[in-house]
Protein backbone atom coordinates (compact mmCIF):
# COMPACT_ATOMS: atom_id res chain seq x y z
CA MET A 1 242.85 219.64 142.44
CA GLY A 2 239.71 220.79 143.31
CA LYS A 3 237.61 221.28 146.62
CA ILE A 4 233.58 219.99 147.81
CA VAL A 5 231.89 223.01 149.66
CA LYS A 6 228.28 222.42 150.60
CA VAL A 7 226.01 224.15 150.81
CA GLU A 8 223.28 224.86 152.83
CA PRO A 9 220.26 225.06 152.89
CA LEU A 10 220.56 224.13 149.86
CA ASN A 11 221.89 221.69 150.71
CA GLU A 12 224.49 221.53 146.91
CA GLU A 13 228.39 220.81 146.20
CA VAL A 14 230.34 222.97 144.45
CA ILE A 15 233.58 222.17 143.85
CA ILE A 16 235.78 224.94 143.07
CA ASN A 17 239.29 225.16 142.78
CA THR A 18 242.44 225.83 145.92
CA ASN A 19 242.55 228.70 147.12
CA GLU A 20 239.34 230.10 145.83
CA ASN A 21 237.44 232.01 148.62
CA LEU A 22 233.65 230.67 149.10
CA LEU A 23 232.67 233.91 147.52
CA SER A 24 232.99 231.58 144.41
CA VAL A 25 231.43 229.53 145.82
CA LEU A 26 227.80 231.26 146.61
CA LEU A 27 228.25 232.79 142.75
CA LYS A 28 228.26 229.74 140.65
CA LYS A 29 225.39 228.04 143.18
CA ASP A 30 224.07 231.41 140.74
CA LEU A 31 223.18 233.67 144.02
CA ASN A 32 222.42 237.14 144.41
CA VAL A 33 225.67 238.25 146.14
CA LEU A 34 226.15 241.85 145.87
CA GLN A 35 228.79 242.07 147.01
CA GLU A 36 228.29 245.58 148.28
CA CYS A 37 232.03 246.79 149.45
CA GLY A 38 233.15 245.40 145.72
CA ALA A 39 234.44 242.22 147.59
CA ARG A 40 236.62 244.24 149.58
CA GLY A 41 235.97 242.48 153.42
CA MET A 42 234.50 245.70 154.36
CA CYS A 43 230.61 244.62 154.27
CA SER A 44 228.05 242.10 155.50
CA THR A 45 226.14 241.05 152.08
CA CYS A 46 228.55 238.23 152.18
CA HIS A 47 228.11 237.10 154.99
CA VAL A 48 228.64 233.07 155.86
CA TYR A 49 227.67 230.39 158.84
CA VAL A 50 231.00 227.57 158.45
CA THR A 51 228.87 224.53 160.36
CA GLU A 52 231.94 222.22 159.24
CA GLY A 53 235.18 222.70 158.57
CA GLU A 54 236.68 225.55 159.85
CA GLU A 55 239.81 224.62 159.23
CA SER A 56 240.69 223.78 155.33
CA LEU A 57 240.38 227.95 155.33
CA THR A 58 242.22 229.90 155.61
CA PRO A 59 242.35 232.65 158.56
CA LEU A 60 240.12 235.59 159.48
CA ASN A 61 242.25 238.49 158.15
CA LYS A 62 242.56 241.82 159.60
CA ARG A 63 240.38 243.69 157.85
CA GLU A 64 237.65 240.99 158.13
CA LYS A 65 238.12 240.55 162.00
CA ARG A 66 236.57 244.17 161.87
CA THR A 67 233.85 243.88 159.61
CA LEU A 68 232.63 240.76 161.83
CA GLU A 69 233.17 243.40 164.55
CA VAL A 70 230.33 245.20 163.39
CA ILE A 71 227.54 242.21 161.97
CA THR A 72 224.63 241.66 164.53
CA THR A 73 223.98 239.00 163.68
CA CYS A 74 227.68 237.38 164.21
CA ARG A 75 228.40 234.16 165.54
CA THR A 76 231.55 232.44 166.46
CA ASN A 77 231.36 230.56 163.41
CA SER A 78 231.00 233.72 160.74
CA ARG A 79 233.01 234.42 158.01
CA LEU A 80 233.38 236.80 154.77
CA ALA A 81 232.45 234.67 151.99
CA CYS A 82 234.41 237.52 149.66
CA GLN A 83 237.78 236.85 152.63
CA ALA A 84 237.66 233.21 153.17
CA ARG A 85 240.16 231.00 150.88
CA VAL A 86 239.29 227.00 151.19
CA ILE A 87 242.66 225.40 151.30
CA GLY A 88 240.97 222.30 152.96
CA GLU A 89 237.93 220.08 151.95
CA GLY A 90 235.08 219.66 153.65
CA VAL A 91 232.85 223.16 153.87
CA VAL A 92 229.94 223.56 154.82
CA VAL A 93 228.45 226.70 154.65
CA GLU A 94 225.30 228.01 155.82
CA ILE A 95 223.46 231.01 154.25
CA PRO A 96 221.74 233.30 156.62
CA ALA A 97 218.43 234.18 155.08
CA GLY A 98 217.29 237.44 154.30
CA MET A 99 217.42 240.28 151.49
CA TYR A 100 220.07 242.46 151.48
CA LEU A 101 218.96 245.84 150.91
CA SER A 102 220.64 247.18 147.49
CA GLU A 103 218.63 249.43 145.23
CA ILE A 104 216.72 251.57 147.32
CA ASP A 105 214.25 251.35 144.40
CA ASP A 106 213.35 248.38 144.68
CA ILE A 107 212.10 248.36 147.67
CA GLU A 108 209.75 251.45 146.64
CA SER A 109 207.99 249.36 144.36
CA LEU A 110 207.25 246.91 147.41
CA ILE A 111 205.41 249.62 149.42
CA GLY A 112 202.36 248.42 151.14
CA ARG A 113 203.54 245.07 151.09
CA ARG A 114 204.83 242.94 153.43
CA ALA A 115 208.16 242.25 153.16
CA GLN A 116 208.41 237.88 152.10
CA GLU A 117 212.10 237.98 153.71
CA ASP A 118 213.66 240.32 156.36
CA ILE A 119 215.06 242.93 154.56
CA LEU A 120 218.46 243.57 156.10
CA HIS A 121 221.37 246.18 156.49
CA PRO A 122 224.13 245.54 153.90
CA ILE A 123 227.22 246.28 157.09
CA SER A 124 226.12 245.55 160.00
CA GLY A 125 223.08 242.63 158.31
CA ALA A 126 220.82 244.23 161.12
CA VAL A 127 216.62 243.15 160.05
CA LEU A 128 215.71 246.42 158.20
CA VAL A 129 212.11 245.50 157.86
CA GLU A 130 211.12 242.01 159.59
CA ALA A 131 209.55 239.99 157.22
CA GLY A 132 205.87 240.22 156.74
CA LYS A 133 205.65 243.31 158.09
CA LEU A 134 203.70 246.65 155.82
CA ILE A 135 206.72 248.17 154.11
CA THR A 136 205.70 251.62 154.23
CA ARG A 137 207.05 255.22 153.36
CA SER A 138 208.58 255.90 156.20
CA MET A 139 210.42 252.95 156.34
CA ILE A 140 211.97 253.73 152.28
CA THR A 141 212.74 257.23 153.46
CA GLN A 142 214.70 255.39 156.78
CA LEU A 143 216.86 252.78 154.13
CA LYS A 144 217.81 255.58 151.65
CA GLU A 145 219.44 257.38 155.20
CA THR A 146 221.21 253.44 155.28
CA LYS A 147 222.05 253.93 151.79
CA GLY A 148 223.72 257.44 151.70
CA LYS A 149 225.40 256.02 155.24
CA VAL A 150 226.40 252.62 153.81
CA GLU A 151 228.62 254.89 150.75
CA GLU A 152 230.03 257.14 152.98
CA TYR A 153 231.17 253.98 154.77
CA LEU A 154 232.60 253.07 152.00
CA VAL A 155 233.67 256.63 150.57
CA LYS A 156 236.34 256.36 153.91
CA SER A 157 237.30 252.71 153.89
CA GLU A 158 239.48 253.29 151.34
CA GLU A 159 240.28 255.78 152.50
CA VAL A 160 242.13 254.42 155.12
């Protein structure tokens, strides 16, 4: 039987099967979720806040706990959508504001413009460029270094 999950701030509901993860909810709403780590619980690109129904989700696993420890915007109700499976009713998730860094080329085209929303680090969730700030070439250089660190982190994580 399907479970209803509410997505905020969209104020929309999604019906999913029991034991499906919250990531499937986000994807069914056509949200652009990067899944930088391939939905393995090793990045912050599917980080959400569970505002209601935490007891209707599977418990945090070791990998999720480890990843949440490094997310700078983590709260007590934080979960990784790829790891949290829905097992009951009444789940409400809030999507954090901001845009995760994906491709440097996407950001390079924005040099000289102001960021429309916060640009976030894909592993820690830290704000790399604040909303309203001018995107400069030096910021792009920092972002390229960050992207390299992300790729290195994922390779090391796969080896473990």
